[in-house]
Amino acid sequence: MGSSVSSALKTQLAMLPHPLIQQLHQAATQCSDDLVLKLIDQIPGEFLDLIQVLKEWVLNFRFDLIIDLTHPIQSVSSSNE
């Protein structure tokens, strides 16, 4: 088993607005727990699984996992201009 993020989380993340995903990615690369938590608060309530996992990662300082999750999506959105 690798540390691959579940496809369900990737699917939920992909439904979020791209600017929010990019901000999450930026905040995670800066290891800013306050900023990441503020951004998580902007995620709609129906994405509860995603919210809970992201909060757990922030509390455990696993910014690398947040970067892994957000990187493919935020890089796709920036190349589609």
PDB file of N, CA and C in Angstrom:
ATOM      1  N   MET A   1       0.827  -1.205   0.000  1.00  0.00           N
ATOM      2  CA  MET A   1       0.000   0.000   0.000  1.00  0.00           C
ATOM      3  C   MET A   1       0.863   1.258   0.000  1.00  0.00           C
ATOM      4  N   GLY A   2       0.684   2.082  -1.004  1.00  0.00           N
ATOM      5  CA  GLY A   2       1.406   3.343  -1.022  1.00  0.00           C
ATOM      6  C   GLY A   2       0.641   4.365  -0.202  1.00  0.00           C
ATOM      7  N   SER A   3       1.128   5.595  -0.194  1.00  0.00           N
ATOM      8  CA  SER A   3       0.408   6.635   0.546  1.00  0.00           C
ATOM      9  C   SER A   3      -0.520   7.363  -0.425  1.00  0.00           C
ATOM     10  N   SER A   4      -1.071   6.600  -1.374  1.00  0.00           N
ATOM     11  CA  SER A   4      -1.922   7.233  -2.383  1.00  0.00           C
ATOM     12  C   SER A   4      -3.216   7.718  -1.761  1.00  0.00           C
ATOM     13  N   VAL A   5      -3.622   8.874  -2.172  1.00  0.00           N
ATOM     14  CA  VAL A   5      -4.839   9.478  -1.648  1.00  0.00           C
ATOM     15  C   VAL A   5      -6.032   8.824  -2.337  1.00  0.00           C
ATOM     16  N   SER A   6      -7.087   8.576  -1.590  1.00  0.00           N
ATOM     17  CA  SER A   6      -8.242   7.882  -2.168  1.00  0.00           C
ATOM     18  C   SER A   6      -8.847   8.688  -3.314  1.00  0.00           C
ATOM     19  N   SER A   7      -9.361   7.959  -4.290  1.00  0.00           N
ATOM     20  CA  SER A   7      -9.945   8.636  -5.451  1.00  0.00           C
ATOM     21  C   SER A   7     -11.187   9.429  -5.054  1.00  0.00           C
ATOM     22  N   ALA A   8     -11.864   9.008  -3.986  1.00  0.00           N
ATOM     23  CA  ALA A   8     -13.041   9.746  -3.515  1.00  0.00           C
ATOM     24  C   ALA A   8     -12.646  11.159  -3.082  1.00  0.00           C
ATOM     25  N   LEU A   9     -11.518  11.269  -2.389  1.00  0.00           N
ATOM     26  CA  LEU A   9     -11.043  12.591  -1.967  1.00  0.00           C
ATOM     27  C   LEU A   9     -10.677  13.444  -3.177  1.00  0.00           C
ATOM     28  N   LYS A  10     -10.001  12.825  -4.141  1.00  0.00           N
ATOM     29  CA  LYS A  10      -9.618  13.563  -5.351  1.00  0.00           C
ATOM     30  C   LYS A  10     -10.862  14.058  -6.096  1.00  0.00           C
ATOM     31  N   THR A  11     -11.892  13.198  -6.120  1.00  0.00           N
ATOM     32  CA  THR A  11     -13.137  13.573  -6.794  1.00  0.00           C
ATOM     33  C   THR A  11     -13.793  14.760  -6.101  1.00  0.00           C
ATOM     34  N   GLN A  12     -13.848  14.710  -4.771  1.00  0.00           N
ATOM     35  CA  GLN A  12     -14.446  15.811  -4.010  1.00  0.00           C
ATOM     36  C   GLN A  12     -13.646  17.094  -4.219  1.00  0.00           C
ATOM     37  N   LEU A  13     -12.324  16.976  -4.150  1.00  0.00           N
ATOM     38  CA  LEU A  13     -11.479  18.161  -4.312  1.00  0.00           C
ATOM     39  C   LEU A  13     -11.682  18.783  -5.691  1.00  0.00           C
ATOM     40  N   ALA A  14     -11.827  17.937  -6.705  1.00  0.00           N
ATOM     41  CA  ALA A  14     -11.983  18.427  -8.079  1.00  0.00           C
ATOM     42  C   ALA A  14     -13.263  19.236  -8.272  1.00  0.00           C
ATOM     43  N   MET A  15     -14.236  19.063  -7.366  1.00  0.00           N
ATOM     44  CA  MET A  15     -15.489  19.806  -7.472  1.00  0.00           C
ATOM     45  C   MET A  15     -15.398  21.202  -6.857  1.00  0.00           C
ATOM     46  N   LEU A  16     -14.326  21.470  -6.153  1.00  0.00           N
ATOM     47  CA  LEU A  16     -14.170  22.783  -5.517  1.00  0.00           C
ATOM     48  C   LEU A  16     -13.741  23.816  -6.548  1.00  0.00           C
ATOM     49  N   PRO A  17     -13.972  25.102  -6.266  1.00  0.00           N
ATOM     50  CA  PRO A  17     -13.513  26.149  -7.192  1.00  0.00           C
ATOM     51  C   PRO A  17     -11.983  26.107  -7.321  1.00  0.00           C
ATOM     52  N   HIS A  18     -11.498  26.269  -8.548  1.00  0.00           N
ATOM     53  CA  HIS A  18     -10.045  26.187  -8.764  1.00  0.00           C
ATOM     54  C   HIS A  18      -9.235  27.183  -7.938  1.00  0.00           C
ATOM     55  N   PRO A  19      -9.708  28.426  -7.773  1.00  0.00           N
ATOM     56  CA  PRO A  19      -8.923  29.351  -6.947  1.00  0.00           C
ATOM     57  C   PRO A  19      -8.719  28.827  -5.523  1.00  0.00           C
ATOM     58  N   LEU A  20      -9.737  28.170  -4.981  1.00  0.00           N
ATOM     59  CA  LEU A  20      -9.626  27.620  -3.623  1.00  0.00           C
ATOM     60  C   LEU A  20      -8.587  26.502  -3.579  1.00  0.00           C
ATOM     61  N   ILE A  21      -8.584  25.652  -4.589  1.00  0.00           N
ATOM     62  CA  ILE A  21      -7.602  24.554  -4.659  1.00  0.00           C
ATOM     63  C   ILE A  21      -6.195  25.138  -4.755  1.00  0.00           C
ATOM     64  N   GLN A  22      -6.042  26.169  -5.584  1.00  0.00           N
ATOM     65  CA  GLN A  22      -4.725  26.794  -5.742  1.00  0.00           C
ATOM     66  C   GLN A  22      -4.257  27.436  -4.439  1.00  0.00           C
ATOM     67  N   GLN A  23      -5.194  28.077  -3.721  1.00  0.00           N
ATOM     68  CA  GLN A  23      -4.836  28.695  -2.441  1.00  0.00           C
ATOM     69  C   GLN A  23      -4.456  27.641  -1.414  1.00  0.00           C
ATOM     70  N   LEU A  24      -5.195  26.526  -1.405  1.00  0.00           N
ATOM     71  CA  LEU A  24      -4.858  25.422  -0.498  1.00  0.00           C
ATOM     72  C   LEU A  24      -3.457  24.899  -0.790  1.00  0.00           C
ATOM     73  N   HIS A  25      -3.175  24.736  -2.070  1.00  0.00           N
ATOM     74  CA  HIS A  25      -1.860  24.240  -2.487  1.00  0.00           C
ATOM     75  C   HIS A  25      -0.761  25.210  -2.025  1.00  0.00           C
ATOM     76  N   GLN A  26      -0.981  26.513  -2.290  1.00  0.00           N
ATOM     77  CA  GLN A  26      -0.014  27.547  -1.889  1.00  0.00           C
ATOM     78  C   GLN A  26       0.219  27.508  -0.385  1.00  0.00           C
ATOM     79  N   ALA A  27      -0.874  27.493   0.385  1.00  0.00           N
ATOM     80  CA  ALA A  27      -0.779  27.523   1.842  1.00  0.00           C
ATOM     81  C   ALA A  27      -0.031  26.294   2.358  1.00  0.00           C
ATOM     82  N   ALA A  28      -0.282  25.142   1.722  1.00  0.00           N
ATOM     83  CA  ALA A  28       0.393  23.907   2.142  1.00  0.00           C
ATOM     84  C   ALA A  28       1.886  23.963   1.828  1.00  0.00           C
ATOM     85  N   THR A  29       2.244  24.555   0.683  1.00  0.00           N
ATOM     86  CA  THR A  29       3.665  24.655   0.346  1.00  0.00           C
ATOM     87  C   THR A  29       4.389  25.597   1.321  1.00  0.00           C
ATOM     88  N   GLN A  30       3.635  26.529   1.913  1.00  0.00           N
ATOM     89  CA  GLN A  30       4.212  27.446   2.909  1.00  0.00           C
ATOM     90  C   GLN A  30       4.108  26.873   4.327  1.00  0.00           C
ATOM     91  N   CYS A  31       3.517  25.681   4.445  1.00  0.00           N
ATOM     92  CA  CYS A  31       3.299  25.042   5.751  1.00  0.00           C
ATOM     93  C   CYS A  31       2.586  25.977   6.725  1.00  0.00           C
ATOM     94  N   SER A  32       1.615  26.708   6.208  1.00  0.00           N
ATOM     95  CA  SER A  32       0.850  27.649   7.032  1.00  0.00           C
ATOM     96  C   SER A  32      -0.432  26.979   7.523  1.00  0.00           C
ATOM     97  N   ASP A  33      -0.381  26.430   8.737  1.00  0.00           N
ATOM     98  CA  ASP A  33      -1.553  25.719   9.245  1.00  0.00           C
ATOM     99  C   ASP A  33      -2.753  26.652   9.421  1.00  0.00           C
ATOM    100  N   ASP A  34      -2.527  27.875   9.893  1.00  0.00           N
ATOM    101  CA  ASP A  34      -3.633  28.832  10.072  1.00  0.00           C
ATOM    102  C   ASP A  34      -4.350  29.099   8.757  1.00  0.00           C
ATOM    103  N   LEU A  35      -3.552  29.347   7.717  1.00  0.00           N
ATOM    104  CA  LEU A  35      -4.128  29.667   6.416  1.00  0.00           C
ATOM    105  C   LEU A  35      -4.864  28.461   5.827  1.00  0.00           C
ATOM    106  N   VAL A  36      -4.268  27.288   5.935  1.00  0.00           N
ATOM    107  CA  VAL A  36      -4.927  26.087   5.410  1.00  0.00           C
ATOM    108  C   VAL A  36      -6.267  25.872   6.123  1.00  0.00           C
ATOM    109  N   LEU A  37      -6.290  26.053   7.440  1.00  0.00           N
ATOM    110  CA  LEU A  37      -7.538  25.859   8.188  1.00  0.00           C
ATOM    111  C   LEU A  37      -8.594  26.893   7.788  1.00  0.00           C
ATOM    112  N   LYS A  38      -8.166  28.122   7.542  1.00  0.00           N
ATOM    113  CA  LYS A  38      -9.107  29.160   7.078  1.00  0.00           C
ATOM    114  C   LYS A  38      -9.706  28.763   5.728  1.00  0.00           C
ATOM    115  N   LEU A  39      -8.878  28.229   4.846  1.00  0.00           N
ATOM    116  CA  LEU A  39      -9.340  27.806   3.527  1.00  0.00           C
ATOM    117  C   LEU A  39     -10.266  26.596   3.633  1.00  0.00           C
ATOM    118  N   ILE A  40      -9.942  25.674   4.539  1.00  0.00           N
ATOM    119  CA  ILE A  40     -10.797  24.504   4.738  1.00  0.00           C
ATOM    120  C   ILE A  40     -12.191  24.956   5.172  1.00  0.00           C
ATOM    121  N   ASP A  41     -12.259  26.030   5.962  1.00  0.00           N
ATOM    122  CA  ASP A  41     -13.557  26.554   6.416  1.00  0.00           C
ATOM    123  C   ASP A  41     -14.418  27.053   5.253  1.00  0.00           C
ATOM    124  N   GLN A  42     -13.797  27.321   4.111  1.00  0.00           N
ATOM    125  CA  GLN A  42     -14.545  27.788   2.937  1.00  0.00           C
ATOM    126  C   GLN A  42     -15.117  26.636   2.107  1.00  0.00           C
ATOM    127  N   ILE A  43     -14.706  25.402   2.426  1.00  0.00           N
ATOM    128  CA  ILE A  43     -15.194  24.242   1.681  1.00  0.00           C
ATOM    129  C   ILE A  43     -16.641  23.963   2.111  1.00  0.00           C
ATOM    130  N   PRO A  44     -17.551  23.809   1.155  1.00  0.00           N
ATOM    131  CA  PRO A  44     -18.961  23.552   1.494  1.00  0.00           C
ATOM    132  C   PRO A  44     -19.135  22.294   2.345  1.00  0.00           C
ATOM    133  N   GLY A  45     -20.146  22.325   3.208  1.00  0.00           N
ATOM    134  CA  GLY A  45     -20.395  21.244   4.160  1.00  0.00           C
ATOM    135  C   GLY A  45     -20.625  19.870   3.565  1.00  0.00           C
ATOM    136  N   GLU A  46     -21.078  19.827   2.294  1.00  0.00           N
ATOM    137  CA  GLU A  46     -21.341  18.496   1.721  1.00  0.00           C
ATOM    138  C   GLU A  46     -20.052  17.711   1.457  1.00  0.00           C
ATOM    139  N   PHE A  47     -18.912  18.385   1.542  1.00  0.00           N
ATOM    140  CA  PHE A  47     -17.622  17.699   1.349  1.00  0.00           C
ATOM    141  C   PHE A  47     -17.010  17.339   2.701  1.00  0.00           C
ATOM    142  N   LEU A  48     -17.850  16.803   3.604  1.00  0.00           N
ATOM    143  CA  LEU A  48     -17.423  16.552   4.975  1.00  0.00           C
ATOM    144  C   LEU A  48     -16.210  15.622   5.058  1.00  0.00           C
ATOM    145  N   ASP A  49     -16.195  14.572   4.240  1.00  0.00           N
ATOM    146  CA  ASP A  49     -15.059  13.627   4.268  1.00  0.00           C
ATOM    147  C   ASP A  49     -13.759  14.358   3.966  1.00  0.00           C
ATOM    148  N   LEU A  50     -13.803  15.165   2.926  1.00  0.00           N
ATOM    149  CA  LEU A  50     -12.623  15.923   2.513  1.00  0.00           C
ATOM    150  C   LEU A  50     -12.193  16.880   3.627  1.00  0.00           C
ATOM    151  N   ILE A  51     -13.148  17.591   4.210  1.00  0.00           N
ATOM    152  CA  ILE A  51     -12.860  18.545   5.284  1.00  0.00           C
ATOM    153  C   ILE A  51     -12.189  17.843   6.460  1.00  0.00           C
ATOM    154  N   GLN A  52     -12.735  16.698   6.859  1.00  0.00           N
ATOM    155  CA  GLN A  52     -12.193  15.985   8.023  1.00  0.00           C
ATOM    156  C   GLN A  52     -10.775  15.485   7.768  1.00  0.00           C
ATOM    157  N   VAL A  53     -10.551  14.954   6.574  1.00  0.00           N
ATOM    158  CA  VAL A  53      -9.213  14.446   6.242  1.00  0.00           C
ATOM    159  C   VAL A  53      -8.203  15.593   6.195  1.00  0.00           C
ATOM    160  N   LEU A  54      -8.576  16.696   5.544  1.00  0.00           N
ATOM    161  CA  LEU A  54      -7.663  17.842   5.455  1.00  0.00           C
ATOM    162  C   LEU A  54      -7.325  18.394   6.840  1.00  0.00           C
ATOM    163  N   LYS A  55      -8.343  18.503   7.697  1.00  0.00           N
ATOM    164  CA  LYS A  55      -8.082  19.012   9.058  1.00  0.00           C
ATOM    165  C   LYS A  55      -7.143  18.086   9.819  1.00  0.00           C
ATOM    166  N   GLU A  56      -7.351  16.784   9.654  1.00  0.00           N
ATOM    167  CA  GLU A  56      -6.486  15.812  10.331  1.00  0.00           C
ATOM    168  C   GLU A  56      -5.045  15.966   9.846  1.00  0.00           C
ATOM    169  N   TRP A  57      -4.880  16.126   8.534  1.00  0.00           N
ATOM    170  CA  TRP A  57      -3.532  16.302   7.981  1.00  0.00           C
ATOM    171  C   TRP A  57      -2.878  17.568   8.520  1.00  0.00           C
ATOM    172  N   VAL A  58      -3.641  18.661   8.602  1.00  0.00           N
ATOM    173  CA  VAL A  58      -3.078  19.917   9.116  1.00  0.00           C
ATOM    174  C   VAL A  58      -2.636  19.727  10.565  1.00  0.00           C
ATOM    175  N   LEU A  59      -3.484  19.096  11.371  1.00  0.00           N
ATOM    176  CA  LEU A  59      -3.155  18.893  12.784  1.00  0.00           C
ATOM    177  C   LEU A  59      -1.923  18.011  12.959  1.00  0.00           C
ATOM    178  N   ASN A  60      -1.678  17.135  11.990  1.00  0.00           N
ATOM    179  CA  ASN A  60      -0.493  16.271  12.036  1.00  0.00           C
ATOM    180  C   ASN A  60       0.665  16.824  11.204  1.00  0.00           C
ATOM    181  N   PHE A  61       0.498  18.064  10.739  1.00  0.00           N
ATOM    182  CA  PHE A  61       1.514  18.744   9.914  1.00  0.00           C
ATOM    183  C   PHE A  61       1.905  17.937   8.680  1.00  0.00           C
ATOM    184  N   ARG A  62       0.905  17.265   8.088  1.00  0.00           N
ATOM    185  CA  ARG A  62       1.163  16.496   6.871  1.00  0.00           C
ATOM    186  C   ARG A  62       0.845  17.361   5.644  1.00  0.00           C
ATOM    187  N   PHE A  63       1.556  18.473   5.520  1.00  0.00           N
ATOM    188  CA  PHE A  63       1.339  19.374   4.384  1.00  0.00           C
ATOM    189  C   PHE A  63       1.725  18.691   3.072  1.00  0.00           C
ATOM    190  N   ASP A  64       2.655  17.727   3.175  1.00  0.00           N
ATOM    191  CA  ASP A  64       3.078  16.985   1.972  1.00  0.00           C
ATOM    192  C   ASP A  64       1.880  16.268   1.338  1.00  0.00           C
ATOM    193  N   LEU A  65       0.975  15.736   2.184  1.00  0.00           N
ATOM    194  CA  LEU A  65      -0.196  15.032   1.656  1.00  0.00           C
ATOM    195  C   LEU A  65      -1.164  16.000   0.984  1.00  0.00           C
ATOM    196  N   ILE A  66      -1.307  17.190   1.581  1.00  0.00           N
ATOM    197  CA  ILE A  66      -2.182  18.202   0.976  1.00  0.00           C
ATOM    198  C   ILE A  66      -1.601  18.645  -0.368  1.00  0.00           C
ATOM    199  N   ILE A  67      -0.292  18.814  -0.417  1.00  0.00           N
ATOM    200  CA  ILE A  67       0.371  19.206  -1.670  1.00  0.00           C
ATOM    201  C   ILE A  67       0.167  18.111  -2.729  1.00  0.00           C
ATOM    202  N   ASP A  68       0.336  16.847  -2.329  1.00  0.00           N
ATOM    203  CA  ASP A  68       0.137  15.732  -3.268  1.00  0.00           C
ATOM    204  C   ASP A  68      -1.288  15.712  -3.805  1.00  0.00           C
ATOM    205  N   LEU A  69      -2.252  15.991  -2.920  1.00  0.00           N
ATOM    206  CA  LEU A  69      -3.657  15.954  -3.316  1.00  0.00           C
ATOM    207  C   LEU A  69      -4.008  17.109  -4.252  1.00  0.00           C
ATOM    208  N   THR A  70      -3.517  18.301  -3.940  1.00  0.00           N
ATOM    209  CA  THR A  70      -3.910  19.492  -4.700  1.00  0.00           C
ATOM    210  C   THR A  70      -3.062  19.718  -5.941  1.00  0.00           C
ATOM    211  N   HIS A  71      -1.852  19.189  -5.967  1.00  0.00           N
ATOM    212  CA  HIS A  71      -0.925  19.511  -7.062  1.00  0.00           C
ATOM    213  C   HIS A  71      -1.443  19.166  -8.450  1.00  0.00           C
ATOM    214  N   PRO A  72      -1.922  17.913  -8.674  1.00  0.00           N
ATOM    215  CA  PRO A  72      -2.364  17.581 -10.043  1.00  0.00           C
ATOM    216  C   PRO A  72      -3.494  18.487 -10.522  1.00  0.00           C
ATOM    217  N   ILE A  73      -4.417  18.814  -9.618  1.00  0.00           N
ATOM    218  CA  ILE A  73      -5.578  19.615 -10.008  1.00  0.00           C
ATOM    219  C   ILE A  73      -5.186  21.063 -10.246  1.00  0.00           C
ATOM    220  N   GLN A  74      -4.410  21.627  -9.329  1.00  0.00           N
ATOM    221  CA  GLN A  74      -4.082  23.041  -9.501  1.00  0.00           C
ATOM    222  C   GLN A  74      -3.133  23.249 -10.694  1.00  0.00           C
ATOM    223  N   SER A  75      -2.297  22.260 -11.013  1.00  0.00           N
ATOM    224  CA  SER A  75      -1.414  22.433 -12.173  1.00  0.00           C
ATOM    225  C   SER A  75      -2.194  22.292 -13.482  1.00  0.00           C
ATOM    226  N   VAL A  76      -3.226  21.437 -13.477  1.00  0.00           N
ATOM    227  CA  VAL A  76      -4.082  21.297 -14.662  1.00  0.00           C
ATOM    228  C   VAL A  76      -4.819  22.604 -14.928  1.00  0.00           C
ATOM    229  N   SER A  77      -5.368  23.199 -13.855  1.00  0.00           N
ATOM    230  CA  SER A  77      -6.174  24.419 -14.040  1.00  0.00           C
ATOM    231  C   SER A  77      -5.314  25.578 -14.536  1.00  0.00           C
ATOM    232  N   SER A  78      -4.049  25.642 -14.121  1.00  0.00           N
ATOM    233  CA  SER A  78      -3.227  26.781 -14.538  1.00  0.00           C
ATOM    234  C   SER A  78      -2.724  26.616 -15.981  1.00  0.00           C
ATOM    235  N   SER A  79      -2.717  25.378 -16.507  1.00  0.00           N
ATOM    236  CA  SER A  79      -2.252  25.195 -17.881  1.00  0.00           C
ATOM    237  C   SER A  79      -3.391  25.334 -18.906  1.00  0.00           C
ATOM    238  N   ASN A  80      -4.615  25.494 -18.422  1.00  0.00           N
ATOM    239  CA  ASN A  80      -5.774  25.584 -19.306  1.00  0.00           C
ATOM    240  C   ASN A  80      -6.218  27.008 -19.578  1.00  0.00           C
ATOM    241  N   GLU A  81      -5.310  27.942 -19.609  1.00  0.00           N
ATOM    242  CA  GLU A  81      -5.737  29.333 -19.730  1.00  0.00           C
ATOM    243  C   GLU A  81      -5.895  29.772 -21.157  1.00  0.00           C
TER     244      GLU A  81
END
